Amino acid sequence: MRFLFIISIFFLSTVSFGQQVPQFSLWSQNSFLVNPALTGIKKVFDFRTGYRFQYAGLDRAPQTGYLSAHGEIKNRKAGYLAPYHGIGGKVQRDVFGGFTNFNVHVTYALHIPLGKEKTLSFGTALGAQQIGFDQTNATTIDPDIAIATNVSEFLFPNISFGAWYATSFFYVGANLDQLTRSKWTEIGYEGRFLLHGTLTGGIKHTNDKDITFLPKVMLRLGPNAPLNIEVQSLFDFQQKFTLGLGFRNTDALIGIFKVNIQDNLRIAYSYDFVLSTLRASTFGGHELMIGFTAGKNKFAAKDDVPVFE
């Protein structure tokens, strides 16, 4: 009983008041990660993989890896402005302390063109989430024989819903995570998944030298947690490479670099400079993303990259 109590307190203080939903700095380069409404929106096959190491240098600091893929469900009889569908999936694994968090989701989206360069989209992600705790990493003030020497794992359903509206020069999106709000009955009586919301938006402006300015903002909303506001200013140079700077009010100054090696291959990297007193004990946060697309993008090249990445 004491063991379950310790786990419950640790889990609530670490996750509920921290981040039940993983945090990414490269969300601006892969918005599909935070909103299923982008599933298949570009009418190409899109594959991304990434890895994030948060608070590098701290023992058992959060680490996240993911694979994502999505594309259009083709309908050859549909007209240019006819609604179309997207389908995809993502696999994600987080490790923090003695905990692991493994997610598998299938995603679907409906896209409704409202004009030549205007699209309204709705999407959902359906899947399962497995939480594991390595009991061998647990320590108590006094020796406790109740602590086992194995890994406890618990499986829960997980559902998200998102909406997205975009034109050739701005976009706005909203997403709700953990709609099932499953209780952690195997861990404690009060613990459960909490509903989290995400709001995103951005605009673009391209000058006569084909340099595009892309300011973007994300708001993360969660109960029992401070409002997380992140602002990024990105400069895209002729769709060859991107430089950016971001600020997260909860603890980081972010540098971003992305290079398009070919028309269908891109690599992005971000570095989080920690602003709090933790910076004396950490090497910051590192995140790497590799993306690949296949197929002919039916959106104009000069419009799709800044808005839909």
Protein backbone atom coordinates (compact mmCIF):
# COMPACT_ATOMS: atom_id res chain seq x y z
CA MET A 1 0.00 0.00 0.00
CA ARG A 2 2.82 2.38 0.86
CA PHE A 3 4.37 1.60 -2.54
CA LEU A 4 1.17 2.45 -4.42
CA PHE A 5 0.87 5.66 -2.42
CA ILE A 6 4.43 6.69 -3.31
CA ILE A 7 3.84 5.93 -6.99
CA SER A 8 0.60 7.90 -6.97
CA ILE A 9 2.17 10.97 -5.40
CA PHE A 10 5.15 10.82 -7.76
CA PHE A 11 3.01 10.31 -10.82
CA LEU A 12 0.60 13.12 -9.97
CA SER A 13 3.34 15.60 -9.14
CA THR A 14 5.45 14.69 -12.16
CA VAL A 15 2.80 14.33 -14.82
CA SER A 16 -0.49 15.96 -13.88
CA PHE A 17 1.16 19.19 -12.81
CA GLY A 18 3.87 18.84 -15.42
CA GLN A 19 3.13 17.34 -18.80
CA GLN A 20 0.80 14.43 -19.39
CA VAL A 21 0.98 15.36 -23.07
CA PRO A 22 4.52 15.40 -24.53
CA GLN A 23 6.05 18.78 -25.33
CA PHE A 24 7.85 19.44 -28.62
CA SER A 25 9.83 22.43 -29.82
CA LEU A 26 9.55 21.40 -33.48
CA TRP A 27 5.75 21.43 -33.48
CA SER A 28 5.97 24.20 -36.07
CA GLN A 29 7.71 21.73 -38.42
CA ASN A 30 5.30 18.83 -37.84
CA SER A 31 1.89 20.12 -36.79
CA PHE A 32 0.41 16.65 -37.38
CA LEU A 33 1.92 15.63 -34.03
CA VAL A 34 -0.38 17.99 -32.13
CA ASN A 35 -3.46 18.03 -34.37
CA PRO A 36 -4.97 15.03 -36.22
CA ALA A 37 -6.93 17.41 -38.48
CA LEU A 38 -3.80 17.68 -40.65
CA THR A 39 -4.00 14.01 -41.64
CA GLY A 40 -3.55 13.87 -45.44
CA ILE A 41 -4.07 17.62 -45.87
CA LYS A 42 -1.23 18.02 -48.42
CA LYS A 43 -2.46 15.11 -50.59
CA VAL A 44 0.93 13.39 -50.42
CA PHE A 45 2.38 10.60 -48.31
CA ASP A 46 4.17 12.24 -45.39
CA PHE A 47 6.55 10.35 -43.09
CA ARG A 48 8.29 11.89 -40.08
CA THR A 49 10.47 10.56 -37.32
CA GLY A 50 11.92 12.50 -34.43
CA TYR A 51 13.61 12.35 -31.06
CA ARG A 52 13.58 14.83 -28.18
CA PHE A 53 15.90 14.88 -25.17
CA GLN A 54 14.62 17.38 -22.62
CA TYR A 55 16.88 18.70 -19.83
CA ALA A 56 19.93 16.83 -21.12
CA GLY A 57 22.38 16.08 -18.33
CA LEU A 58 19.78 15.48 -15.63
CA ASP A 59 19.42 11.92 -14.41
CA ARG A 60 16.36 10.21 -15.95
CA ALA A 61 15.32 13.35 -17.81
CA PRO A 62 12.34 13.12 -20.22
CA GLN A 63 13.06 11.58 -23.63
CA THR A 64 10.56 11.19 -26.45
CA GLY A 65 10.73 9.38 -29.79
CA TYR A 66 8.07 9.10 -32.48
CA LEU A 67 7.17 7.84 -35.95
CA SER A 68 4.29 9.36 -37.92
CA ALA A 69 2.87 8.79 -41.39
CA HIS A 70 -0.26 10.02 -43.15
CA GLY A 71 -1.66 10.62 -46.61
CA GLU A 72 -4.75 11.25 -48.72
CA ILE A 73 -7.42 8.64 -49.41
CA LYS A 74 -7.54 9.05 -53.18
CA ASN A 75 -10.83 9.49 -54.99
CA ARG A 76 -10.18 9.83 -58.72
CA LYS A 77 -13.78 10.90 -59.41
CA ALA A 78 -13.67 13.83 -57.01
CA GLY A 79 -13.41 17.35 -58.43
CA TYR A 80 -10.77 19.91 -57.54
CA LEU A 81 -12.85 21.54 -54.79
CA ALA A 82 -14.55 18.35 -53.60
CA PRO A 83 -14.08 17.27 -49.96
CA TYR A 84 -11.37 14.67 -49.47
CA HIS A 85 -10.17 12.38 -46.70
CA GLY A 86 -6.89 11.57 -45.00
CA ILE A 87 -5.73 8.60 -42.98
CA GLY A 88 -2.58 8.02 -40.97
CA GLY A 89 -1.01 6.89 -37.75
CA LYS A 90 1.64 7.67 -35.18
CA VAL A 91 3.66 5.77 -32.62
CA GLN A 92 5.24 7.59 -29.69
CA ARG A 93 7.29 6.55 -26.67
CA ASP A 94 8.20 8.75 -23.69
CA VAL A 95 10.60 7.90 -20.89
CA PHE A 96 10.80 10.02 -17.74
CA GLY A 97 12.26 8.79 -14.47
CA GLY A 98 11.10 5.24 -13.90
CA PHE A 99 8.04 5.72 -16.12
CA THR A 100 7.47 4.86 -19.77
CA ASN A 101 4.52 6.07 -21.81
CA PHE A 102 3.80 4.29 -25.11
CA ASN A 103 1.12 5.55 -27.53
CA VAL A 104 -0.27 4.09 -30.75
CA HIS A 105 -2.90 6.06 -32.69
CA VAL A 106 -4.76 5.77 -35.98
CA THR A 107 -5.83 9.15 -37.36
CA TYR A 108 -8.53 10.28 -39.80
CA ALA A 109 -9.43 13.70 -41.19
CA LEU A 110 -12.06 15.25 -43.43
CA HIS A 111 -10.93 18.24 -45.51
CA ILE A 112 -13.46 20.67 -46.96
CA PRO A 113 -12.10 23.14 -49.54
CA LEU A 114 -13.86 26.49 -49.19
CA GLY A 115 -12.14 28.13 -52.14
CA LYS A 116 -8.99 27.99 -54.21
CA GLU A 117 -6.66 28.31 -51.19
CA LYS A 118 -8.97 27.86 -48.20
CA THR A 119 -9.51 24.59 -46.34
CA LEU A 120 -11.51 23.61 -43.25
CA SER A 121 -10.48 20.31 -41.67
CA PHE A 122 -11.68 18.08 -38.86
CA GLY A 123 -9.74 15.10 -37.54
CA THR A 124 -9.58 12.51 -34.81
CA ALA A 125 -6.95 10.19 -33.35
CA LEU A 126 -8.06 6.87 -31.85
CA GLY A 127 -5.65 4.63 -30.01
CA ALA A 128 -4.24 3.20 -26.84
CA GLN A 129 -1.78 4.40 -24.26
CA GLN A 130 0.36 2.09 -22.14
CA ILE A 131 1.98 3.39 -18.96
CA GLY A 132 4.78 1.41 -17.39
CA PHE A 133 6.70 1.85 -14.15
CA ASP A 134 10.02 0.16 -13.41
CA GLN A 135 9.71 -0.67 -9.75
CA THR A 136 13.42 -1.36 -9.46
CA ASN A 137 13.94 2.40 -9.77
CA ALA A 138 11.76 3.13 -6.74
CA THR A 139 13.45 4.03 -3.46
CA THR A 140 11.95 4.68 -0.06
CA ILE A 141 13.26 6.35 3.06
CA ASP A 142 12.93 3.06 4.95
CA PRO A 143 13.40 -0.38 3.35
CA ASP A 144 10.08 -1.72 2.07
CA ILE A 145 9.67 -5.35 1.05
CA ALA A 146 6.52 -4.38 -0.84
CA ILE A 147 8.67 -2.95 -3.63
CA ALA A 148 8.81 -5.56 -6.37
CA THR A 149 11.57 -6.13 -8.87
CA ASN A 150 9.58 -6.05 -12.08
CA VAL A 151 7.83 -3.58 -14.38
CA SER A 152 4.14 -2.73 -13.89
CA GLU A 153 2.19 -1.82 -17.04
CA PHE A 154 -1.30 -0.40 -17.48
CA LEU A 155 -3.24 0.05 -20.74
CA PHE A 156 -5.80 2.80 -21.40
CA PRO A 157 -7.81 4.02 -24.43
CA ASN A 158 -6.99 7.47 -25.78
CA ILE A 159 -8.95 9.76 -28.11
CA SER A 160 -8.13 13.21 -29.53
CA PHE A 161 -10.10 15.59 -31.74
CA GLY A 162 -8.86 18.53 -33.78
CA ALA A 163 -10.00 21.26 -36.18
CA TRP A 164 -7.96 23.33 -38.64
CA TYR A 165 -8.64 26.27 -40.93
CA ALA A 166 -6.01 27.49 -43.37
CA THR A 167 -5.61 29.88 -46.28
CA SER A 168 -2.55 30.73 -48.32
CA PHE A 169 -1.45 33.32 -45.76
CA PHE A 170 -2.67 32.23 -42.30
CA TYR A 171 -3.95 29.29 -40.29
CA VAL A 172 -5.60 28.55 -36.94
CA GLY A 173 -6.07 25.19 -35.25
CA ALA A 174 -7.46 23.65 -32.07
CA ASN A 175 -7.07 20.22 -30.53
CA LEU A 176 -8.36 18.35 -27.47
CA ASP A 177 -6.31 15.45 -26.05
CA GLN A 178 -7.25 12.60 -23.70
CA LEU A 179 -11.00 12.88 -24.19
CA THR A 180 -11.55 9.53 -22.47
CA ARG A 181 -10.15 10.88 -19.17
CA SER A 182 -9.42 7.30 -18.09
CA LYS A 183 -8.90 6.65 -14.38
CA TRP A 184 -5.68 5.07 -13.12
CA THR A 185 -7.47 2.56 -10.94
CA GLU A 186 -4.47 0.24 -10.95
CA ILE A 187 -2.23 3.03 -9.60
CA GLY A 188 -4.40 5.08 -7.26
CA TYR A 189 -7.96 6.18 -6.51
CA GLU A 190 -7.67 9.82 -7.54
CA GLY A 191 -5.32 9.67 -10.50
CA ARG A 192 -6.63 9.95 -14.05
CA PHE A 193 -5.82 11.41 -17.46
CA LEU A 194 -6.75 15.07 -17.69
CA LEU A 195 -8.25 16.88 -20.66
CA HIS A 196 -5.64 19.01 -22.44
CA GLY A 197 -6.26 21.64 -25.10
CA THR A 198 -3.97 23.14 -27.72
CA LEU A 199 -4.52 26.29 -29.80
CA THR A 200 -2.19 27.16 -32.66
CA GLY A 201 -2.04 29.93 -35.21
CA GLY A 202 0.29 31.59 -37.66
CA ILE A 203 0.65 33.91 -40.61
CA LYS A 204 3.14 34.29 -43.43
CA HIS A 205 4.55 37.14 -45.42
CA THR A 206 6.85 36.69 -48.44
CA ASN A 207 8.93 39.55 -49.83
CA ASP A 208 10.18 40.04 -53.39
CA LYS A 209 13.38 38.07 -52.59
CA ASP A 210 11.36 34.93 -51.76
CA ILE A 211 12.14 35.18 -48.06
CA THR A 212 9.11 34.20 -46.00
CA PHE A 213 8.48 35.44 -42.47
CA LEU A 214 6.47 32.96 -40.42
CA PRO A 215 5.39 34.01 -36.91
CA LYS A 216 3.57 31.20 -35.09
CA VAL A 217 2.06 30.77 -31.65
CA MET A 218 0.89 27.81 -29.57
CA LEU A 219 -1.15 27.85 -26.36
CA ARG A 220 -1.27 24.68 -24.25
CA LEU A 221 -4.12 24.48 -21.75
CA GLY A 222 -4.34 21.95 -18.96
CA PRO A 223 -5.94 21.76 -15.51
CA ASN A 224 -3.71 22.29 -12.47
CA ALA A 225 -0.93 23.61 -14.70
CA PRO A 226 0.18 27.10 -15.77
CA LEU A 227 -0.78 28.37 -19.21
CA ASN A 228 1.99 27.36 -21.60
CA ILE A 229 2.58 29.99 -24.30
CA GLU A 230 5.12 29.46 -27.04
CA VAL A 231 5.92 31.97 -29.78
CA GLN A 232 8.18 31.22 -32.75
CA SER A 233 9.48 33.53 -35.48
CA LEU A 234 10.72 31.62 -38.51
CA PHE A 235 12.39 32.81 -41.70
CA ASP A 236 12.17 30.52 -44.72
CA PHE A 237 14.81 31.26 -47.39
CA GLN A 238 13.57 30.23 -50.83
CA GLN A 239 12.30 26.92 -49.36
CA LYS A 240 15.91 25.77 -49.03
CA PHE A 241 16.46 26.31 -45.33
CA THR A 242 14.73 27.87 -42.33
CA LEU A 243 16.06 29.73 -39.30
CA GLY A 244 13.96 30.54 -36.27
CA LEU A 245 13.84 31.71 -32.70
CA GLY A 246 11.23 30.83 -30.13
CA PHE A 247 10.26 31.58 -26.56
CA ARG A 248 8.37 29.32 -24.14
CA ASN A 249 7.09 31.16 -21.09
CA THR A 250 7.49 28.10 -18.86
CA ASP A 251 11.25 27.81 -19.22
CA ALA A 252 13.05 28.06 -22.57
CA LEU A 253 14.53 30.13 -25.35
CA ILE A 254 14.51 28.04 -28.54
CA GLY A 255 16.71 28.04 -31.61
CA ILE A 256 15.47 26.26 -34.77
CA PHE A 257 17.20 25.22 -37.98
CA LYS A 258 15.73 23.26 -40.89
CA VAL A 259 17.25 22.35 -44.24
CA ASN A 260 15.49 20.93 -47.30
CA ILE A 261 18.04 18.50 -48.77
CA GLN A 262 15.74 17.72 -51.68
CA ASP A 263 12.18 18.61 -52.56
CA ASN A 264 10.98 15.60 -50.58
CA LEU A 265 13.56 15.31 -47.77
CA ARG A 266 14.11 17.68 -44.85
CA ILE A 267 15.94 17.69 -41.53
CA ALA A 268 15.18 20.00 -38.61
CA TYR A 269 16.92 20.58 -35.29
CA SER A 270 16.03 22.67 -32.25
CA TYR A 271 17.90 23.60 -29.10
CA ASP A 272 16.18 24.70 -25.88
CA PHE A 273 18.19 27.06 -23.71
CA VAL A 274 16.82 26.67 -20.20
CA LEU A 275 16.02 29.99 -18.50
CA SER A 276 15.26 28.78 -14.98
CA THR A 277 17.73 27.81 -12.25
CA LEU A 278 17.83 24.32 -13.81
CA ARG A 279 20.24 25.67 -16.44
CA ALA A 280 23.13 25.12 -14.03
CA SER A 281 22.44 21.37 -14.08
CA THR A 282 21.44 20.72 -17.67
CA PHE A 283 22.76 21.05 -21.21
CA GLY A 284 19.38 22.23 -22.44
CA GLY A 285 16.95 20.39 -24.67
CA HIS A 286 17.71 18.84 -28.05
CA GLU A 287 15.24 17.76 -30.72
CA LEU A 288 15.83 16.26 -34.16
CA MET A 289 13.29 15.57 -36.91
CA ILE A 290 13.64 13.90 -40.32
CA GLY A 291 10.79 14.15 -42.81
CA PHE A 292 10.10 12.53 -46.18
CA THR A 293 7.24 13.05 -48.63
CA ALA A 294 6.23 11.08 -51.71
CA GLY A 295 3.81 12.09 -54.42
CA LYS A 296 2.97 15.31 -56.21
CA ASN A 297 1.72 18.02 -53.90
CA LYS A 298 -1.44 19.53 -55.38
CA PHE A 299 -1.01 22.77 -53.46
CA ALA A 300 1.14 25.47 -55.01
CA ALA A 301 4.74 25.00 -53.79
CA LYS A 302 5.07 28.64 -52.75
CA ASP A 303 2.03 28.31 -50.49
CA ASP A 304 2.07 24.88 -48.88
CA VAL A 305 5.37 24.81 -46.98
CA PRO A 306 4.94 27.87 -44.73
CA VAL A 307 1.32 27.14 -43.84
CA PHE A 308 1.03 23.38 -43.51
CA GLU A 309 4.36 22.23 -42.07
